[in-house]
C-alpha atoms as a PDB file:
ATOM      1  CA  MET A   1     139.806-161.676 224.764  1.00  0.00           C
ATOM      2  CA  THR A   2     142.310-163.364 222.475  1.00  0.00           C
ATOM      3  CA  GLU A   3     142.900-161.879 219.067  1.00  0.00           C
ATOM      4  CA  LYS A   4     143.009-164.149 216.024  1.00  0.00           C
ATOM      5  CA  ARG A   5     146.349-163.909 214.266  1.00  0.00           C
ATOM      6  CA  ASN A   6     146.739-164.490 210.551  1.00  0.00           C
ATOM      7  CA  PHE A   7     149.778-165.589 208.616  1.00  0.00           C
ATOM      8  CA  GLU A   8     151.313-163.138 206.169  1.00  0.00           C
ATOM      9  CA  ASP A   9     152.778-164.696 203.047  1.00  0.00           C
ATOM     10  CA  ILE A  10     156.442-163.752 202.549  1.00  0.00           C
ATOM     11  CA  THR A  11     157.332-165.740 199.433  1.00  0.00           C
ATOM     12  CA  GLY A  12     157.031-169.032 197.631  1.00  0.00           C
ATOM     13  CA  MET A  13     159.944-171.421 198.164  1.00  0.00           C
ATOM     14  CA  TRP A  14     161.493-174.005 195.876  1.00  0.00           C
ATOM     15  CA  LYS A  15     163.573-177.009 196.940  1.00  0.00           C
ATOM     16  CA  ARG A  16     166.631-178.040 194.939  1.00  0.00           C
ATOM     17  CA  ARG A  17     169.210-180.776 195.336  1.00  0.00           C
ATOM     18  CA  LYS A  18     172.774-180.547 194.083  1.00  0.00           C
ATOM     19  CA  THR A  19     175.543-183.123 194.216  1.00  0.00           C
ATOM     20  CA  VAL A  20     178.960-181.745 195.161  1.00  0.00           C
ATOM     21  CA  ASN A  21     181.930-184.135 195.431  1.00  0.00           C
ATOM     22  CA  GLY A  22     179.550-187.090 195.776  1.00  0.00           C
ATOM     23  CA  ALA A  23     177.517-185.513 198.590  1.00  0.00           C
ATOM     24  CA  THR A  24     173.956-184.342 197.935  1.00  0.00           C
ATOM     25  CA  GLU A  25     173.079-180.913 199.322  1.00  0.00           C
ATOM     26  CA  THR A  26     169.494-179.713 199.657  1.00  0.00           C
ATOM     27  CA  HIS A  27     168.698-176.017 199.618  1.00  0.00           C
ATOM     28  CA  PHE A  28     165.591-173.855 199.492  1.00  0.00           C
ATOM     29  CA  TYR A  29     165.253-170.562 197.700  1.00  0.00           C
ATOM     30  CA  GLY A  30     162.670-167.875 197.065  1.00  0.00           C
ATOM     31  CA  GLN A  31     162.523-164.245 196.020  1.00  0.00           C
ATOM     32  CA  ILE A  32     161.003-161.513 198.147  1.00  0.00           C
ATOM     33  CA  ARG A  33     159.200-158.966 195.985  1.00  0.00           C
ATOM     34  CA  ASN A  34     158.128-156.433 198.625  1.00  0.00           C
ATOM     35  CA  LYS A  35     159.920-154.911 201.584  1.00  0.00           C
ATOM     36  CA  ILE A  36     159.279-156.896 204.765  1.00  0.00           C
ATOM     37  CA  THR A  37     160.228-156.365 208.387  1.00  0.00           C
ATOM     38  CA  LEU A  38     160.523-159.112 210.963  1.00  0.00           C
ATOM     39  CA  ASN A  39     160.110-157.989 214.545  1.00  0.00           C
ATOM     40  CA  PRO A  40     161.266-159.658 217.769  1.00  0.00           C
ATOM     41  CA  GLY A  41     158.763-162.350 218.695  1.00  0.00           C
ATOM     42  CA  ASP A  42     157.496-162.930 215.124  1.00  0.00           C
ATOM     43  CA  LYS A  43     157.472-166.579 214.085  1.00  0.00           C
ATOM     44  CA  VAL A  44     158.535-167.693 210.612  1.00  0.00           C
ATOM     45  CA  HIS A  45     156.930-170.864 209.220  1.00  0.00           C
ATOM     46  CA  MET A  46     157.463-172.818 206.028  1.00  0.00           C
ATOM     47  CA  TYR A  47     154.563-174.931 204.780  1.00  0.00           C
ATOM     48  CA  GLU A  48     154.394-177.438 201.967  1.00  0.00           C
ATOM     49  CA  THR A  49     151.971-176.290 199.283  1.00  0.00           C
ATOM     50  CA  ARG A  50     148.497-177.831 199.239  1.00  0.00           C
ATOM     51  CA  ALA A  51     147.943-177.270 195.516  1.00  0.00           C
ATOM     52  CA  LYS A  52     146.674-180.406 193.785  1.00  0.00           C
ATOM     53  CA  ASN A  53     147.401-179.417 190.172  1.00  0.00           C
ATOM     54  CA  LYS A  54     150.660-177.533 190.586  1.00  0.00           C
ATOM     55  CA  SER A  55     153.046-177.093 187.685  1.00  0.00           C
ATOM     56  CA  ALA A  56     156.837-177.335 187.835  1.00  0.00           C
ATOM     57  CA  LYS A  57     157.033-173.531 188.106  1.00  0.00           C
ATOM     58  CA  ASP A  58     154.742-173.326 191.139  1.00  0.00           C
ATOM     59  CA  PRO A  59     156.384-173.105 194.574  1.00  0.00           C
ATOM     60  CA  GLN A  60     156.738-176.314 196.566  1.00  0.00           C
ATOM     61  CA  PHE A  61     156.588-174.463 199.887  1.00  0.00           C
ATOM     62  CA  HIS A  62     155.341-171.140 201.264  1.00  0.00           C
ATOM     63  CA  LEU A  63     157.306-169.016 203.716  1.00  0.00           C
ATOM     64  CA  LYS A  64     154.989-167.129 206.075  1.00  0.00           C
ATOM     65  CA  VAL A  65     155.242-164.988 209.188  1.00  0.00           C
ATOM     66  CA  LEU A  66     152.964-165.062 212.217  1.00  0.00           C
ATOM     67  CA  ARG A  67     153.210-161.657 213.873  1.00  0.00           C
ATOM     68  CA  ASN A  68     153.771-161.362 217.598  1.00  0.00           C
ATOM     69  CA  VAL A  69     150.803-159.825 219.382  1.00  0.00           C
ATOM     70  CA  ASN A  70     151.912-157.694 222.315  1.00  0.00           C
ATOM     71  CA  GLU A  71     149.685-158.798 225.217  1.00  0.00           C
ATOM     72  CA  SER A  72     150.025-155.444 227.030  1.00  0.00           C
ATOM     73  CA  SER A  73     148.493-153.354 224.182  1.00  0.00           C
END
C-alpha cells in the first residue's frame, strides 16, 4: 500500500531583482527559523504563493520539502 506523503514547509521566499553594471540579476531569499535536516532522496520544491490578498511583506514563494519514503521499511 502506498503511503501519502505531505510537504513540510521550510520557509517563505522573496524574489528580488538588482541591476549590477547594467545587467539585471534575480535572486531569492528566505530565513529558516527552525533547525531542518535534508536527507538523501528528499525533494525540495518552491511554489508560487496562492494567496489572493497578499501584502508586500508576504512571501511570493514557499520552499517545501517532500520527504523520501524508504520502500523497504
